[in-house]
Amino acid sequence: MPSDFADAGRRFEAALRIPELPITSIRNRSRAKRARHHWHLVIACALALLVMVGSGAVLAAKLSGIRIWLSGNNATVAFHSLATIVNPTAEDLRRVIADATFTVVLPVGLPTGVHLNRLIFSPADHPNVITLQYGNGKGASGWGFVLVDSSTVERGAIPPLAKIATVKQWSVGGETVIMANSNQFASQATIEAAMLRATPPESFAQTLPTLYRITLLNDYSDSFRLADIPNTIAPVDGRSVLIDREHLALIPGLAQERKPLFFVRMETIDNIPTVPTGKGYVDLGNASHHADKVLAVSVDGVRAIAAVLATNTCGSAPKFTCEILFNERSGHAYRIWALPLRSPASPVKYAVDPTTLQANQEK
């Protein structure tokens, strides 16, 4: 063996040209796959909530965005367009109600502690159907209601359809209310009576406490399950954002590139083929999809979060062991809480200087 064999091996290793890992391409493909999966979940959610049949009733809702035929426990749904907003704000709710083709009385009389997780409405510009999903902070969207312009509901014979679960329904003025989750049917009489007593402004005012005070960045059940604590401890001033682990994994790279963090506030899907595919799904591949992205955290805010992550309080990327509650106030230090995913660990609070980006743990 040559005496310089080890040195030659090291020179050969140094000379090897290893192609750069196409991490951007991988992330884009992964994001696209998640988006397709996400839309199947949205459609499944809408299918589950947009059933409009009571015991023995025959209804056909002819909607410009969604068309539904029902009879007994059987239903078929044809989608043309719909829009969805996760973690809606008061302004989101006010706008959807104002644009609706009917006078909207929102669900009232719900148990204390439930939160409005999602709005699905169709058509996006002037909805005559509004779906509301509520959760109880335990990861399940256990309360589902569909509010429909009663003028779009017709009674009469319809063709044979696929089987879907029974729901409860009642009318409030010109609005047809459908309660979609059979596990909550025992509360139907209480909620119906409360809605019949409430005026539209009163129902809006009673819905405001069900809205999160903080911004959630996605619609995964874990985000809703973990949102109650940060929603409680978030300051009343400034703007607060709960950053889940998926978005948290982006923070180090964004900080290095001096980029802000964006998230999708509203998604709209149009021109959905009305004929299901051979597998029984709507053909999302040939539909038009639009996502409205808005700023979640500024460039300096991203760097402040990165400074907290650098303390290893959340473990190491990409499998962080916490989520982050971020609070930003103009001209003040950033307030950041590391929220451990496993109980009984308590939140760890940091103050980050906006100039030096020094992260200091606080009591």
Protein backbone atom coordinates (compact mmCIF):
# COMPACT_ATOMS: atom_id res chain seq x y z
CA MET A 1 0.00 0.00 0.00
CA PRO A 2 1.44 3.44 -0.88
CA SER A 3 2.68 5.38 2.13
CA ASP A 4 0.66 8.43 1.15
CA PHE A 5 -2.56 6.48 0.73
CA ALA A 6 -4.38 8.31 3.60
CA ASP A 7 -3.37 11.72 2.29
CA ALA A 8 -4.44 10.78 -1.21
CA GLY A 9 -7.80 9.63 0.12
CA ARG A 10 -8.37 12.93 1.88
CA ARG A 11 -7.43 14.87 -1.28
CA PHE A 12 -9.84 12.73 -3.30
CA GLU A 13 -12.63 13.32 -0.76
CA ALA A 14 -12.03 17.07 -0.82
CA ALA A 15 -12.18 17.07 -4.61
CA LEU A 16 -15.57 15.36 -4.73
CA ARG A 17 -18.32 17.65 -5.98
CA ILE A 18 -21.54 16.84 -4.14
CA PRO A 19 -24.58 18.45 -5.75
CA GLU A 20 -26.46 20.84 -3.51
CA LEU A 21 -29.60 19.35 -2.01
CA PRO A 22 -32.58 20.95 -3.80
CA ILE A 23 -34.20 21.85 -0.50
CA THR A 24 -36.35 24.61 -2.03
CA SER A 25 -37.76 22.22 -4.61
CA ILE A 26 -38.39 19.58 -1.96
CA ARG A 27 -40.19 22.10 0.25
CA ASN A 28 -42.30 23.32 -2.67
CA ARG A 29 -43.36 19.78 -3.60
CA SER A 30 -44.11 19.01 0.04
CA ARG A 31 -46.14 22.23 0.34
CA ALA A 32 -48.07 21.41 -2.84
CA LYS A 33 -48.86 17.92 -1.53
CA ARG A 34 -50.06 19.39 1.78
CA ALA A 35 -52.19 21.89 -0.13
CA ARG A 36 -53.90 19.11 -2.11
CA HIS A 37 -54.49 17.17 1.11
CA HIS A 38 -55.74 20.35 2.77
CA TRP A 39 -58.32 20.93 0.07
CA HIS A 40 -59.58 17.37 0.29
CA LEU A 41 -60.07 18.05 4.01
CA VAL A 42 -61.91 21.29 3.28
CA ILE A 43 -64.19 19.54 0.80
CA ALA A 44 -64.77 16.67 3.25
CA CYS A 45 -65.58 19.21 5.94
CA ALA A 46 -68.03 21.01 3.68
CA LEU A 47 -69.63 17.72 2.67
CA ALA A 48 -70.06 16.79 6.31
CA LEU A 49 -71.54 20.15 7.26
CA LEU A 50 -73.61 20.96 4.19
CA VAL A 51 -76.11 18.15 4.59
CA MET A 52 -79.58 19.65 4.79
CA VAL A 53 -82.05 16.93 5.71
CA GLY A 54 -84.32 16.41 8.68
CA SER A 55 -86.32 13.34 9.56
CA GLY A 56 -88.64 12.58 6.65
CA ALA A 57 -87.98 15.91 4.92
CA VAL A 58 -87.06 16.33 1.28
CA LEU A 59 -85.01 19.42 0.45
CA ALA A 60 -82.98 20.58 -2.52
CA ALA A 61 -80.81 23.63 -2.03
CA LYS A 62 -79.94 25.17 -5.38
CA LEU A 63 -76.99 27.40 -4.69
CA SER A 64 -74.79 29.19 -7.20
CA GLY A 65 -71.67 28.12 -5.33
CA ILE A 66 -72.83 24.76 -3.97
CA ARG A 67 -75.78 22.64 -5.09
CA ILE A 68 -77.16 20.03 -2.75
CA TRP A 69 -79.88 17.43 -3.26
CA LEU A 70 -81.25 15.63 -0.20
CA SER A 71 -83.83 13.08 0.78
CA GLY A 72 -84.02 11.44 4.16
CA ASN A 73 -80.48 10.45 5.02
CA ASN A 74 -79.35 10.50 1.38
CA ALA A 75 -77.52 13.40 -0.22
CA THR A 76 -75.35 14.33 -3.16
CA VAL A 77 -73.38 17.56 -3.40
CA ALA A 78 -72.06 19.44 -6.43
CA PHE A 79 -69.55 22.18 -5.71
CA HIS A 80 -68.89 25.12 -7.99
CA SER A 81 -67.10 27.46 -5.61
CA LEU A 82 -66.47 28.09 -1.94
CA ALA A 83 -64.20 30.10 0.32
CA THR A 84 -62.81 29.31 3.74
CA ILE A 85 -61.31 31.41 6.52
CA VAL A 86 -59.55 29.75 9.44
CA ASN A 87 -59.49 31.53 12.81
CA PRO A 88 -61.86 34.28 11.59
CA THR A 89 -61.71 37.76 13.08
CA ALA A 90 -64.61 40.03 13.96
CA GLU A 91 -63.99 41.90 10.70
CA ASP A 92 -64.10 38.64 8.70
CA LEU A 93 -67.39 37.69 10.30
CA ARG A 94 -68.84 41.18 9.83
CA ARG A 95 -67.90 41.23 6.14
CA VAL A 96 -69.34 37.76 5.36
CA ILE A 97 -72.59 38.67 7.12
CA ALA A 98 -72.84 42.01 5.32
CA ASP A 99 -72.30 40.34 1.93
CA ALA A 100 -74.82 37.55 2.55
CA THR A 101 -78.04 37.38 0.53
CA PHE A 102 -80.09 36.89 3.71
CA THR A 103 -80.36 38.37 7.20
CA VAL A 104 -77.96 36.30 9.28
CA VAL A 105 -78.66 35.23 12.84
CA LEU A 106 -75.56 33.48 14.14
CA PRO A 107 -75.67 30.42 16.44
CA VAL A 108 -76.10 31.43 20.08
CA GLY A 109 -76.70 29.51 23.27
CA LEU A 110 -73.53 27.44 22.80
CA PRO A 111 -71.58 26.24 25.85
CA THR A 112 -68.98 28.55 27.37
CA GLY A 113 -65.47 27.87 26.12
CA VAL A 114 -66.19 26.98 22.49
CA HIS A 115 -64.35 28.91 19.78
CA LEU A 116 -65.25 29.65 16.19
CA ASN A 117 -62.52 27.81 14.27
CA ARG A 118 -63.58 28.14 10.66
CA LEU A 119 -65.93 29.87 8.23
CA ILE A 120 -66.88 28.24 4.92
CA PHE A 121 -69.13 30.28 2.67
CA SER A 122 -70.38 30.20 -0.88
CA PRO A 123 -70.43 31.98 -3.25
CA ALA A 124 -67.43 33.96 -2.01
CA ASP A 125 -68.79 37.37 -3.05
CA HIS A 126 -72.46 37.11 -1.97
CA PRO A 127 -72.91 33.95 0.10
CA ASN A 128 -76.28 32.30 0.44
CA VAL A 129 -74.78 29.54 2.55
CA ILE A 130 -72.48 30.08 5.54
CA THR A 131 -70.95 27.20 7.46
CA LEU A 132 -69.50 27.73 10.94
CA GLN A 133 -67.29 25.23 12.75
CA TYR A 134 -66.77 25.55 16.48
CA GLY A 135 -64.29 23.68 18.68
CA ASN A 136 -63.95 23.20 22.40
CA GLY A 137 -60.16 23.52 22.65
CA LYS A 138 -59.67 19.74 22.70
CA GLY A 139 -58.79 19.38 19.04
CA ALA A 140 -62.27 18.50 17.80
CA SER A 141 -64.54 20.76 15.81
CA GLY A 142 -67.56 19.43 17.61
CA TRP A 143 -70.10 22.08 16.67
CA GLY A 144 -71.11 22.54 13.06
CA PHE A 145 -73.85 24.81 11.73
CA VAL A 146 -74.95 25.68 8.21
CA LEU A 147 -76.92 28.88 7.72
CA VAL A 148 -78.81 29.02 4.42
CA ASP A 149 -80.89 31.60 2.61
CA SER A 150 -84.31 29.95 2.88
CA SER A 151 -85.32 31.26 -0.55
CA THR A 152 -82.81 28.84 -2.10
CA VAL A 153 -84.37 25.79 -0.41
CA GLU A 154 -86.95 23.84 -2.43
CA ARG A 155 -89.13 20.93 -1.37
CA GLY A 156 -89.92 18.16 -3.81
CA ALA A 157 -88.87 14.84 -5.29
CA ILE A 158 -85.21 14.30 -6.07
CA PRO A 159 -83.24 11.44 -7.65
CA PRO A 160 -81.65 8.63 -5.58
CA LEU A 161 -78.57 9.86 -3.75
CA ALA A 162 -75.66 8.71 -1.61
CA LYS A 163 -76.15 8.18 2.10
CA ILE A 164 -75.04 10.90 4.53
CA ALA A 165 -75.86 11.37 8.22
CA THR A 166 -79.02 12.96 9.56
CA VAL A 167 -78.98 16.52 10.87
CA LYS A 168 -81.33 18.85 12.74
CA GLN A 169 -82.88 21.90 11.08
CA TRP A 170 -85.09 24.85 11.91
CA SER A 171 -85.92 28.32 10.61
CA VAL A 172 -85.12 31.76 12.01
CA GLY A 173 -86.85 34.36 9.89
CA GLY A 174 -85.61 33.92 6.33
CA GLU A 175 -82.72 31.71 7.43
CA THR A 176 -82.65 27.92 7.49
CA VAL A 177 -80.36 26.59 10.23
CA ILE A 178 -78.81 23.14 9.99
CA MET A 179 -77.05 21.53 12.95
CA ALA A 180 -74.60 19.04 11.52
CA ASN A 181 -73.03 17.07 14.36
CA SER A 182 -75.24 14.31 15.77
CA ASN A 183 -73.21 14.30 19.01
CA GLN A 184 -74.62 17.74 19.79
CA PHE A 185 -78.26 17.11 18.88
CA ALA A 186 -79.26 17.09 22.55
CA SER A 187 -78.52 20.84 22.64
CA GLN A 188 -80.63 21.59 19.57
CA ALA A 189 -83.71 22.84 21.44
CA THR A 190 -81.67 25.19 23.64
CA ILE A 191 -79.77 26.67 20.69
CA GLU A 192 -82.89 26.99 18.55
CA ALA A 193 -84.75 28.84 21.31
CA ALA A 194 -81.78 31.18 21.86
CA MET A 195 -81.51 31.97 18.15
CA LEU A 196 -85.25 32.67 17.89
CA ARG A 197 -84.94 35.19 20.74
CA ALA A 198 -81.83 36.94 19.38
CA THR A 199 -81.74 39.77 16.87
CA PRO A 200 -78.97 39.70 14.23
CA PRO A 201 -76.89 42.36 16.08
CA GLU A 202 -77.36 40.50 19.37
CA SER A 203 -76.22 37.21 17.82
CA PHE A 204 -73.13 38.94 16.42
CA ALA A 205 -72.30 40.45 19.81
CA GLN A 206 -72.72 37.06 21.51
CA THR A 207 -70.44 35.44 18.92
CA LEU A 208 -67.52 37.82 19.54
CA PRO A 209 -66.38 36.00 22.73
CA THR A 210 -66.03 32.79 20.68
CA LEU A 211 -63.37 34.39 18.46
CA TYR A 212 -59.71 33.88 19.30
CA ARG A 213 -57.83 36.97 20.43
CA ILE A 214 -54.70 35.59 18.82
CA THR A 215 -53.89 34.74 15.20
CA LEU A 216 -53.54 31.06 14.32
CA LEU A 217 -51.52 30.22 11.22
CA ASN A 218 -53.13 26.96 10.09
CA ASP A 219 -56.18 24.76 10.50
CA TYR A 220 -54.56 21.68 11.99
CA SER A 221 -56.41 20.30 14.99
CA ASP A 222 -53.28 20.60 17.17
CA SER A 223 -53.31 24.37 16.66
CA PHE A 224 -56.86 24.61 17.98
CA ARG A 225 -56.13 22.09 20.75
CA LEU A 226 -53.15 24.14 21.96
CA ALA A 227 -54.67 27.58 21.43
CA ASP A 228 -56.60 27.99 24.68
CA ILE A 229 -53.56 28.70 26.89
CA PRO A 230 -51.94 31.31 24.62
CA ASN A 231 -55.36 32.84 23.95
CA THR A 232 -55.68 33.29 27.72
CA ILE A 233 -52.19 34.63 28.47
CA ALA A 234 -51.79 36.85 25.40
CA PRO A 235 -51.54 40.56 26.31
CA VAL A 236 -54.50 42.79 25.58
CA ASP A 237 -52.25 45.25 23.76
CA GLY A 238 -50.30 44.70 20.58
CA ARG A 239 -50.76 41.87 18.10
CA SER A 240 -50.33 38.23 19.14
CA VAL A 241 -49.62 35.26 16.87
CA LEU A 242 -49.40 31.57 17.76
CA ILE A 243 -46.70 29.96 15.63
CA ASP A 244 -47.13 26.21 15.23
CA ARG A 245 -44.21 23.83 14.73
CA GLU A 246 -44.59 23.70 10.95
CA HIS A 247 -44.21 27.47 10.63
CA LEU A 248 -41.64 27.53 13.44
CA ALA A 249 -39.38 25.32 11.32
CA LEU A 250 -39.25 28.15 8.75
CA ILE A 251 -38.05 30.76 11.24
CA PRO A 252 -34.26 30.07 11.21
CA GLY A 253 -34.11 30.22 7.41
CA LEU A 254 -36.28 33.32 7.19
CA ALA A 255 -34.19 35.05 9.85
CA GLN A 256 -31.00 34.28 7.95
CA GLU A 257 -32.49 35.62 4.73
CA ARG A 258 -34.03 38.66 6.47
CA LYS A 259 -37.55 37.76 5.35
CA PRO A 260 -40.93 38.07 7.12
CA LEU A 261 -43.33 35.22 7.83
CA PHE A 262 -46.56 35.12 5.82
CA PHE A 263 -49.58 32.88 6.19
CA VAL A 264 -52.81 32.14 4.32
CA ARG A 265 -55.81 34.02 5.73
CA MET A 266 -58.41 33.01 3.17
CA GLU A 267 -58.61 30.41 0.43
CA THR A 268 -61.04 30.37 -2.46
CA ILE A 269 -61.69 27.50 -4.83
CA ASP A 270 -63.66 28.11 -8.04
CA ASN A 271 -64.77 26.30 -11.18
CA ILE A 272 -64.94 22.94 -9.43
CA PRO A 273 -66.17 20.25 -11.86
CA THR A 274 -69.64 19.22 -10.76
CA VAL A 275 -69.17 15.58 -11.80
CA PRO A 276 -67.32 13.47 -9.17
CA THR A 277 -64.25 11.56 -10.28
CA GLY A 278 -64.22 7.78 -10.50
CA LYS A 279 -63.06 7.55 -6.90
CA GLY A 280 -65.98 9.58 -5.66
CA TYR A 281 -64.08 12.83 -5.09
CA VAL A 282 -64.68 16.20 -6.68
CA ASP A 283 -62.03 16.96 -9.29
CA LEU A 284 -59.89 19.51 -7.47
CA GLY A 285 -57.09 19.08 -9.99
CA ASN A 286 -59.14 20.98 -12.57
CA ALA A 287 -60.45 23.64 -10.19
CA SER A 288 -59.11 27.16 -9.71
CA HIS A 289 -57.47 27.83 -6.36
CA HIS A 290 -56.53 31.20 -4.88
CA ALA A 291 -54.86 31.84 -1.53
CA ASP A 292 -54.72 35.27 0.12
CA LYS A 293 -51.48 35.57 2.07
CA VAL A 294 -50.96 38.22 4.73
CA LEU A 295 -48.11 39.19 7.04
CA ALA A 296 -47.88 37.15 10.22
CA VAL A 297 -44.54 38.35 11.66
CA SER A 298 -42.29 41.19 10.48
CA VAL A 299 -38.63 40.70 9.53
CA ASP A 300 -37.37 41.94 12.91
CA GLY A 301 -40.03 39.89 14.67
CA VAL A 302 -38.78 36.77 12.87
CA ARG A 303 -35.25 37.56 14.01
CA ALA A 304 -36.49 38.01 17.58
CA ILE A 305 -38.15 34.59 17.51
CA ALA A 306 -34.95 33.11 16.07
CA ALA A 307 -33.06 34.59 19.02
CA VAL A 308 -35.38 32.75 21.43
CA LEU A 309 -35.01 29.51 19.47
CA ALA A 310 -31.23 29.93 19.70
CA THR A 311 -31.51 29.48 23.48
CA ASN A 312 -32.63 25.86 22.80
CA THR A 313 -35.71 26.39 24.92
CA CYS A 314 -37.64 24.60 22.18
CA GLY A 315 -35.05 21.97 21.36
CA SER A 316 -33.56 21.90 17.88
CA ALA A 317 -34.95 22.27 14.38
CA PRO A 318 -36.90 20.92 12.66
CA LYS A 319 -38.62 18.96 15.44
CA PHE A 320 -39.13 21.72 17.94
CA THR A 321 -40.68 20.72 21.25
CA CYS A 322 -42.81 23.82 21.66
CA GLU A 323 -44.94 26.37 19.91
CA ILE A 324 -44.33 30.11 20.14
CA LEU A 325 -46.68 32.88 21.19
CA PHE A 326 -45.36 36.11 19.70
CA ASN A 327 -46.56 39.57 20.74
CA GLU A 328 -45.48 42.72 18.91
CA ARG A 329 -46.02 46.33 20.00
CA SER A 330 -44.63 49.30 18.13
CA GLY A 331 -41.62 50.76 19.91
CA HIS A 332 -41.51 48.11 22.64
CA ALA A 333 -39.62 44.91 23.33
CA TYR A 334 -41.03 41.78 21.72
CA ARG A 335 -42.81 39.49 24.17
CA ILE A 336 -42.37 35.83 23.34
CA TRP A 337 -43.60 32.71 25.15
CA ALA A 338 -42.23 29.22 24.51
CA LEU A 339 -45.19 26.89 25.00
CA PRO A 340 -44.05 23.31 25.67
CA LEU A 341 -46.12 20.70 23.84
CA ARG A 342 -46.04 18.29 26.75
CA SER A 343 -47.78 18.91 30.05
CA PRO A 344 -47.24 19.83 32.81
CA ALA A 345 -44.41 22.12 31.63
CA SER A 346 -45.26 25.81 31.95
CA PRO A 347 -44.80 28.56 29.34
CA VAL A 348 -41.40 30.28 29.39
CA LYS A 349 -41.52 34.03 28.77
CA TYR A 350 -38.83 36.05 27.01
CA ALA A 351 -38.35 39.74 26.28
CA VAL A 352 -36.33 40.49 23.14
CA ASP A 353 -34.79 43.92 22.65
CA PRO A 354 -35.91 45.23 19.22
CA THR A 355 -32.51 46.85 18.61
CA THR A 356 -29.99 44.30 19.87
CA LEU A 357 -32.28 41.26 19.51
CA GLN A 358 -30.99 40.03 22.87
CA ALA A 359 -33.38 37.45 24.34
CA ASN A 360 -33.79 37.62 28.11
CA GLN A 361 -35.88 35.16 30.08
CA GLU A 362 -38.43 36.73 32.40
CA LYS A 363 -40.25 35.48 35.46
